[in-house]
Amino acid sequence: MRLDKFLKVSRIIKRRTVANEACDAGRVVINGKVAKASANVKEGDILEIAFGNKEVKVEILDVQETVRKDDAKELFRYL
């Protein structure tokens, strides 16, 4: 699945366009490498996202095309 779509589906970032902009600005890192919005993500990948002065680090547990809001928290785990 594309990185920008995963960020939206998992609700780490609320809108796909915002996820796209974050990736283009170089604020998203997958497994230690700066990632583009089109990068593929899979289970076990470690994402690091810079939100202003705060940084979020998560591990991808599951990848699904669509998911309900209540189940979105089960797609990743904060590290």
PDB file of N, CA and C in Angstrom:
ATOM      1  N   MET A   1       0.842  -1.177   0.000  1.00  0.00           N
ATOM      2  CA  MET A   1       0.000   0.000   0.000  1.00  0.00           C
ATOM      3  C   MET A   1       0.890   1.244   0.000  1.00  0.00           C
ATOM      4  N   ARG A   2       0.438   2.281  -0.662  1.00  0.00           N
ATOM      5  CA  ARG A   2       1.181   3.543  -0.691  1.00  0.00           C
ATOM      6  C   ARG A   2       1.255   4.158   0.698  1.00  0.00           C
ATOM      7  N   LEU A   3       2.353   4.816   0.972  1.00  0.00           N
ATOM      8  CA  LEU A   3       2.578   5.432   2.275  1.00  0.00           C
ATOM      9  C   LEU A   3       1.518   6.472   2.604  1.00  0.00           C
ATOM     10  N   ASP A   4       1.204   7.372   1.660  1.00  0.00           N
ATOM     11  CA  ASP A   4       0.230   8.421   1.949  1.00  0.00           C
ATOM     12  C   ASP A   4      -1.152   7.848   2.241  1.00  0.00           C
ATOM     13  N   LYS A   5      -1.517   6.778   1.539  1.00  0.00           N
ATOM     14  CA  LYS A   5      -2.819   6.150   1.790  1.00  0.00           C
ATOM     15  C   LYS A   5      -2.831   5.470   3.160  1.00  0.00           C
ATOM     16  N   PHE A   6      -1.733   4.805   3.536  1.00  0.00           N
ATOM     17  CA  PHE A   6      -1.682   4.165   4.846  1.00  0.00           C
ATOM     18  C   PHE A   6      -1.827   5.194   5.965  1.00  0.00           C
ATOM     19  N   LEU A   7      -1.154   6.327   5.841  1.00  0.00           N
ATOM     20  CA  LEU A   7      -1.234   7.366   6.871  1.00  0.00           C
ATOM     21  C   LEU A   7      -2.663   7.859   7.034  1.00  0.00           C
ATOM     22  N   LYS A   8      -3.403   7.938   5.933  1.00  0.00           N
ATOM     23  CA  LYS A   8      -4.796   8.372   6.007  1.00  0.00           C
ATOM     24  C   LYS A   8      -5.698   7.278   6.584  1.00  0.00           C
ATOM     25  N   VAL A   9      -5.561   6.044   6.080  1.00  0.00           N
ATOM     26  CA  VAL A   9      -6.415   4.944   6.534  1.00  0.00           C
ATOM     27  C   VAL A   9      -6.202   4.670   8.017  1.00  0.00           C
ATOM     28  N   SER A  10      -4.956   4.750   8.484  1.00  0.00           N
ATOM     29  CA  SER A  10      -4.662   4.490   9.894  1.00  0.00           C
ATOM     30  C   SER A  10      -4.994   5.694  10.775  1.00  0.00           C
ATOM     31  N   ARG A  11      -5.303   6.823  10.136  1.00  0.00           N
ATOM     32  CA  ARG A  11      -5.661   8.061  10.825  1.00  0.00           C
ATOM     33  C   ARG A  11      -4.513   8.647  11.647  1.00  0.00           C
ATOM     34  N   ILE A  12      -3.287   8.352  11.244  1.00  0.00           N
ATOM     35  CA  ILE A  12      -2.134   9.033  11.831  1.00  0.00           C
ATOM     36  C   ILE A  12      -2.145  10.477  11.328  1.00  0.00           C
ATOM     37  N   ILE A  13      -2.448  10.643  10.029  1.00  0.00           N
ATOM     38  CA  ILE A  13      -2.669  11.956   9.423  1.00  0.00           C
ATOM     39  C   ILE A  13      -4.072  11.924   8.824  1.00  0.00           C
ATOM     40  N   LYS A  14      -4.862  12.958   9.073  1.00  0.00           N
ATOM     41  CA  LYS A  14      -6.277  12.900   8.739  1.00  0.00           C
ATOM     42  C   LYS A  14      -6.602  12.956   7.254  1.00  0.00           C
ATOM     43  N   ARG A  15      -5.819  13.695   6.465  1.00  0.00           N
ATOM     44  CA  ARG A  15      -6.123  13.823   5.043  1.00  0.00           C
ATOM     45  C   ARG A  15      -4.940  13.362   4.203  1.00  0.00           C
ATOM     46  N   ARG A  16      -5.259  12.742   3.071  1.00  0.00           N
ATOM     47  CA  ARG A  16      -4.216  12.199   2.200  1.00  0.00           C
ATOM     48  C   ARG A  16      -3.362  13.317   1.603  1.00  0.00           C
ATOM     49  N   THR A  17      -3.957  14.466   1.317  1.00  0.00           N
ATOM     50  CA  THR A  17      -3.176  15.574   0.759  1.00  0.00           C
ATOM     51  C   THR A  17      -2.158  16.080   1.776  1.00  0.00           C
ATOM     52  N   VAL A  18      -2.536  16.097   3.048  1.00  0.00           N
ATOM     53  CA  VAL A  18      -1.603  16.520   4.101  1.00  0.00           C
ATOM     54  C   VAL A  18      -0.490  15.485   4.238  1.00  0.00           C
ATOM     55  N   ALA A  19      -0.842  14.204   4.131  1.00  0.00           N
ATOM     56  CA  ALA A  19       0.160  13.136   4.180  1.00  0.00           C
ATOM     57  C   ALA A  19       1.128  13.273   3.003  1.00  0.00           C
ATOM     58  N   ASN A  20       0.591  13.604   1.834  1.00  0.00           N
ATOM     59  CA  ASN A  20       1.420  13.814   0.647  1.00  0.00           C
ATOM     60  C   ASN A  20       2.406  14.957   0.852  1.00  0.00           C
ATOM     61  N   GLU A  21       1.926  16.063   1.416  1.00  0.00           N
ATOM     62  CA  GLU A  21       2.780  17.227   1.661  1.00  0.00           C
ATOM     63  C   GLU A  21       3.875  16.908   2.680  1.00  0.00           C
ATOM     64  N   ALA A  22       3.531  16.144   3.715  1.00  0.00           N
ATOM     65  CA  ALA A  22       4.527  15.760   4.726  1.00  0.00           C
ATOM     66  C   ALA A  22       5.631  14.908   4.090  1.00  0.00           C
ATOM     67  N   CYS A  23       5.247  14.001   3.212  1.00  0.00           N
ATOM     68  CA  CYS A  23       6.223  13.150   2.529  1.00  0.00           C
ATOM     69  C   CYS A  23       7.112  13.980   1.598  1.00  0.00           C
ATOM     70  N   ASP A  24       6.496  14.898   0.855  1.00  0.00           N
ATOM     71  CA  ASP A  24       7.264  15.734  -0.073  1.00  0.00           C
ATOM     72  C   ASP A  24       8.258  16.630   0.664  1.00  0.00           C
ATOM     73  N   ALA A  25       7.919  17.023   1.900  1.00  0.00           N
ATOM     74  CA  ALA A  25       8.789  17.884   2.691  1.00  0.00           C
ATOM     75  C   ALA A  25       9.908  17.089   3.375  1.00  0.00           C
ATOM     76  N   GLY A  26       9.890  15.767   3.239  1.00  0.00           N
ATOM     77  CA  GLY A  26      10.938  14.941   3.832  1.00  0.00           C
ATOM     78  C   GLY A  26      10.758  14.704   5.318  1.00  0.00           C
ATOM     79  N   ARG A  27       9.526  14.818   5.820  1.00  0.00           N
ATOM     80  CA  ARG A  27       9.272  14.647   7.251  1.00  0.00           C
ATOM     81  C   ARG A  27       8.850  13.231   7.621  1.00  0.00           C
ATOM     82  N   VAL A  28       8.789  12.319   6.640  1.00  0.00           N
ATOM     83  CA  VAL A  28       8.403  10.930   6.911  1.00  0.00           C
ATOM     84  C   VAL A  28       9.570  10.019   6.548  1.00  0.00           C
ATOM     85  N   VAL A  29       9.930   9.139   7.495  1.00  0.00           N
ATOM     86  CA  VAL A  29      11.058   8.224   7.310  1.00  0.00           C
ATOM     87  C   VAL A  29      10.555   6.795   7.515  1.00  0.00           C
ATOM     88  N   ILE A  30      10.910   5.906   6.579  1.00  0.00           N
ATOM     89  CA  ILE A  30      10.572   4.483   6.712  1.00  0.00           C
ATOM     90  C   ILE A  30      11.872   3.725   6.907  1.00  0.00           C
ATOM     91  N   ASN A  31      11.984   3.020   8.019  1.00  0.00           N
ATOM     92  CA  ASN A  31      13.160   2.192   8.302  1.00  0.00           C
ATOM     93  C   ASN A  31      14.472   2.960   8.104  1.00  0.00           C
ATOM     94  N   GLY A  32      14.504   4.208   8.550  1.00  0.00           N
ATOM     95  CA  GLY A  32      15.725   4.999   8.498  1.00  0.00           C
ATOM     96  C   GLY A  32      15.992   5.735   7.204  1.00  0.00           C
ATOM     97  N   LYS A  33      15.093   5.632   6.217  1.00  0.00           N
ATOM     98  CA  LYS A  33      15.284   6.313   4.929  1.00  0.00           C
ATOM     99  C   LYS A  33      14.116   7.254   4.675  1.00  0.00           C
ATOM    100  N   VAL A  34      14.425   8.457   4.197  1.00  0.00           N
ATOM    101  CA  VAL A  34      13.375   9.419   3.846  1.00  0.00           C
ATOM    102  C   VAL A  34      12.524   8.820   2.737  1.00  0.00           C
ATOM    103  N   ALA A  35      11.187   8.917   2.895  1.00  0.00           N
ATOM    104  CA  ALA A  35      10.284   8.233   1.971  1.00  0.00           C
ATOM    105  C   ALA A  35       9.425   9.207   1.182  1.00  0.00           C
ATOM    106  N   LYS A  36       9.120   8.826  -0.042  1.00  0.00           N
ATOM    107  CA  LYS A  36       8.173   9.567  -0.862  1.00  0.00           C
ATOM    108  C   LYS A  36       6.767   9.039  -0.567  1.00  0.00           C
ATOM    109  N   ALA A  37       5.763   9.786  -0.999  1.00  0.00           N
ATOM    110  CA  ALA A  37       4.371   9.399  -0.767  1.00  0.00           C
ATOM    111  C   ALA A  37       4.021   8.093  -1.466  1.00  0.00           C
ATOM    112  N   SER A  38       4.716   7.796  -2.561  1.00  0.00           N
ATOM    113  CA  SER A  38       4.409   6.592  -3.336  1.00  0.00           C
ATOM    114  C   SER A  38       5.127   5.342  -2.827  1.00  0.00           C
ATOM    115  N   ALA A  39       5.919   5.472  -1.770  1.00  0.00           N
ATOM    116  CA  ALA A  39       6.662   4.324  -1.240  1.00  0.00           C
ATOM    117  C   ALA A  39       5.699   3.264  -0.705  1.00  0.00           C
ATOM    118  N   ASN A  40       6.052   2.012  -0.908  1.00  0.00           N
ATOM    119  CA  ASN A  40       5.223   0.915  -0.395  1.00  0.00           C
ATOM    120  C   ASN A  40       5.545   0.659   1.068  1.00  0.00           C
ATOM    121  N   VAL A  41       4.491   0.431   1.864  1.00  0.00           N
ATOM    122  CA  VAL A  41       4.682   0.053   3.261  1.00  0.00           C
ATOM    123  C   VAL A  41       4.144  -1.356   3.461  1.00  0.00           C
ATOM    124  N   LYS A  42       4.719  -2.052   4.428  1.00  0.00           N
ATOM    125  CA  LYS A  42       4.278  -3.412   4.735  1.00  0.00           C
ATOM    126  C   LYS A  42       4.362  -3.624   6.240  1.00  0.00           C
ATOM    127  N   GLU A  43       3.831  -4.730   6.697  1.00  0.00           N
ATOM    128  CA  GLU A  43       3.865  -5.043   8.122  1.00  0.00           C
ATOM    129  C   GLU A  43       5.314  -5.119   8.593  1.00  0.00           C
ATOM    130  N   GLY A  44       5.566  -4.565   9.787  1.00  0.00           N
ATOM    131  CA  GLY A  44       6.897  -4.605  10.356  1.00  0.00           C
ATOM    132  C   GLY A  44       7.733  -3.367  10.083  1.00  0.00           C
ATOM    133  N   ASP A  45       7.292  -2.514   9.153  1.00  0.00           N
ATOM    134  CA  ASP A  45       8.025  -1.277   8.868  1.00  0.00           C
ATOM    135  C   ASP A  45       7.924  -0.318  10.045  1.00  0.00           C
ATOM    136  N   ILE A  46       8.978   0.470  10.259  1.00  0.00           N
ATOM    137  CA  ILE A  46       9.005   1.490  11.311  1.00  0.00           C
ATOM    138  C   ILE A  46       8.899   2.859  10.633  1.00  0.00           C
ATOM    139  N   LEU A  47       7.876   3.627  11.008  1.00  0.00           N
ATOM    140  CA  LEU A  47       7.673   4.972  10.467  1.00  0.00           C
ATOM    141  C   LEU A  47       8.060   6.003  11.506  1.00  0.00           C
ATOM    142  N   GLU A  48       8.759   7.041  11.077  1.00  0.00           N
ATOM    143  CA  GLU A  48       9.059   8.189  11.927  1.00  0.00           C
ATOM    144  C   GLU A  48       8.509   9.415  11.213  1.00  0.00           C
ATOM    145  N   ILE A  49       7.624  10.152  11.900  1.00  0.00           N
ATOM    146  CA  ILE A  49       6.967  11.304  11.299  1.00  0.00           C
ATOM    147  C   ILE A  49       7.224  12.525  12.165  1.00  0.00           C
ATOM    148  N   ALA A  50       7.712  13.596  11.556  1.00  0.00           N
ATOM    149  CA  ALA A  50       7.987  14.839  12.278  1.00  0.00           C
ATOM    150  C   ALA A  50       6.785  15.770  12.144  1.00  0.00           C
ATOM    151  N   PHE A  51       6.140  16.067  13.275  1.00  0.00           N
ATOM    152  CA  PHE A  51       5.027  17.014  13.333  1.00  0.00           C
ATOM    153  C   PHE A  51       5.525  18.262  14.051  1.00  0.00           C
ATOM    154  N   GLY A  52       5.992  19.244  13.320  1.00  0.00           N
ATOM    155  CA  GLY A  52       6.487  20.465  13.954  1.00  0.00           C
ATOM    156  C   GLY A  52       7.652  20.155  14.874  1.00  0.00           C
ATOM    157  N   ASN A  53       7.458  20.382  16.190  1.00  0.00           N
ATOM    158  CA  ASN A  53       8.532  20.121  17.153  1.00  0.00           C
ATOM    159  C   ASN A  53       8.395  18.743  17.806  1.00  0.00           C
ATOM    160  N   LYS A  54       7.414  17.957  17.381  1.00  0.00           N
ATOM    161  CA  LYS A  54       7.171  16.639  17.958  1.00  0.00           C
ATOM    162  C   LYS A  54       7.440  15.568  16.904  1.00  0.00           C
ATOM    163  N   GLU A  55       7.997  14.445  17.340  1.00  0.00           N
ATOM    164  CA  GLU A  55       8.244  13.345  16.424  1.00  0.00           C
ATOM    165  C   GLU A  55       7.499  12.107  16.903  1.00  0.00           C
ATOM    166  N   VAL A  56       6.853  11.413  15.971  1.00  0.00           N
ATOM    167  CA  VAL A  56       6.082  10.214  16.281  1.00  0.00           C
ATOM    168  C   VAL A  56       6.764   9.030  15.616  1.00  0.00           C
ATOM    169  N   LYS A  57       6.920   7.942  16.375  1.00  0.00           N
ATOM    170  CA  LYS A  57       7.536   6.728  15.845  1.00  0.00           C
ATOM    171  C   LYS A  57       6.552   5.583  16.040  1.00  0.00           C
ATOM    172  N   VAL A  58       6.184   4.908  14.949  1.00  0.00           N
ATOM    173  CA  VAL A  58       5.215   3.818  15.016  1.00  0.00           C
ATOM    174  C   VAL A  58       5.716   2.612  14.227  1.00  0.00           C
ATOM    175  N   GLU A  59       5.217   1.442  14.620  1.00  0.00           N
ATOM    176  CA  GLU A  59       5.478   0.204  13.880  1.00  0.00           C
ATOM    177  C   GLU A  59       4.179  -0.224  13.224  1.00  0.00           C
ATOM    178  N   ILE A  60       4.242  -0.584  11.946  1.00  0.00           N
ATOM    179  CA  ILE A  60       3.049  -1.014  11.222  1.00  0.00           C
ATOM    180  C   ILE A  60       2.762  -2.467  11.589  1.00  0.00           C
ATOM    181  N   LEU A  61       1.557  -2.710  12.088  1.00  0.00           N
ATOM    182  CA  LEU A  61       1.159  -4.057  12.476  1.00  0.00           C
ATOM    183  C   LEU A  61       0.320  -4.748  11.405  1.00  0.00           C
ATOM    184  N   ASP A  62      -0.459  -3.961  10.657  1.00  0.00           N
ATOM    185  CA  ASP A  62      -1.340  -4.527   9.647  1.00  0.00           C
ATOM    186  C   ASP A  62      -1.561  -3.493   8.551  1.00  0.00           C
ATOM    187  N   VAL A  63      -1.809  -3.963   7.337  1.00  0.00           N
ATOM    188  CA  VAL A  63      -2.081  -3.071   6.207  1.00  0.00           C
ATOM    189  C   VAL A  63      -3.416  -3.486   5.619  1.00  0.00           C
ATOM    190  N   GLN A  64      -4.391  -2.561   5.603  1.00  0.00           N
ATOM    191  CA  GLN A  64      -5.709  -2.825   5.035  1.00  0.00           C
ATOM    192  C   GLN A  64      -6.128  -1.638   4.191  1.00  0.00           C
ATOM    193  N   GLU A  65      -6.901  -1.904   3.130  1.00  0.00           N
ATOM    194  CA  GLU A  65      -7.345  -0.843   2.234  1.00  0.00           C
ATOM    195  C   GLU A  65      -8.350   0.087   2.904  1.00  0.00           C
ATOM    196  N   THR A  66      -9.296  -0.485   3.625  1.00  0.00           N
ATOM    197  CA  THR A  66     -10.289   0.317   4.347  1.00  0.00           C
ATOM    198  C   THR A  66     -10.453  -0.262   5.741  1.00  0.00           C
ATOM    199  N   VAL A  67     -10.781   0.611   6.683  1.00  0.00           N
ATOM    200  CA  VAL A  67     -10.955   0.160   8.062  1.00  0.00           C
ATOM    201  C   VAL A  67     -11.858   1.166   8.774  1.00  0.00           C
ATOM    202  N   ARG A  68     -12.642   0.675   9.727  1.00  0.00           N
ATOM    203  CA  ARG A  68     -13.501   1.580  10.499  1.00  0.00           C
ATOM    204  C   ARG A  68     -12.659   2.398  11.457  1.00  0.00           C
ATOM    205  N   LYS A  69     -13.211   3.527  11.876  1.00  0.00           N
ATOM    206  CA  LYS A  69     -12.474   4.451  12.744  1.00  0.00           C
ATOM    207  C   LYS A  69     -12.026   3.758  14.038  1.00  0.00           C
ATOM    208  N   ASP A  70     -12.891   2.943  14.620  1.00  0.00           N
ATOM    209  CA  ASP A  70     -12.559   2.272  15.882  1.00  0.00           C
ATOM    210  C   ASP A  70     -11.417   1.270  15.720  1.00  0.00           C
ATOM    211  N   ASP A  71     -11.304   0.660  14.542  1.00  0.00           N
ATOM    212  CA  ASP A  71     -10.288  -0.366  14.312  1.00  0.00           C
ATOM    213  C   ASP A  71      -8.978   0.201  13.770  1.00  0.00           C
ATOM    214  N   ALA A  72      -8.943   1.491  13.457  1.00  0.00           N
ATOM    215  CA  ALA A  72      -7.748   2.091  12.863  1.00  0.00           C
ATOM    216  C   ALA A  72      -6.551   2.019  13.808  1.00  0.00           C
ATOM    217  N   LYS A  73      -6.784   2.059  15.112  1.00  0.00           N
ATOM    218  CA  LYS A  73      -5.693   2.019  16.095  1.00  0.00           C
ATOM    219  C   LYS A  73      -4.952   0.685  16.084  1.00  0.00           C
ATOM    220  N   GLU A  74      -5.586  -0.347  15.543  1.00  0.00           N
ATOM    221  CA  GLU A  74      -4.969  -1.669  15.522  1.00  0.00           C
ATOM    222  C   GLU A  74      -4.017  -1.865  14.340  1.00  0.00           C
ATOM    223  N   LEU A  75      -3.921  -0.876  13.451  1.00  0.00           N
ATOM    224  CA  LEU A  75      -3.029  -0.985  12.299  1.00  0.00           C
ATOM    225  C   LEU A  75      -1.586  -0.652  12.645  1.00  0.00           C
ATOM    226  N   PHE A  76      -1.376   0.061  13.770  1.00  0.00           N
ATOM    227  CA  PHE A  76      -0.014   0.473  14.144  1.00  0.00           C
ATOM    228  C   PHE A  76       0.134   0.473  15.651  1.00  0.00           C
ATOM    229  N   ARG A  77       1.400   0.565  16.081  1.00  0.00           N
ATOM    230  CA  ARG A  77       1.726   0.603  17.519  1.00  0.00           C
ATOM    231  C   ARG A  77       2.767   1.683  17.730  1.00  0.00           C
ATOM    232  N   TYR A  78       2.521   2.561  18.714  1.00  0.00           N
ATOM    233  CA  TYR A  78       3.483   3.603  19.036  1.00  0.00           C
ATOM    234  C   TYR A  78       4.712   3.003  19.692  1.00  0.00           C
ATOM    235  N   LEU A  79       5.884   3.521  19.332  1.00  0.00           N
ATOM    236  CA  LEU A  79       7.152   3.055  19.930  1.00  0.00           C
ATOM    237  C   LEU A  79       7.733   4.139  20.816  1.00  0.00           C
TER     238      LEU A  79
END
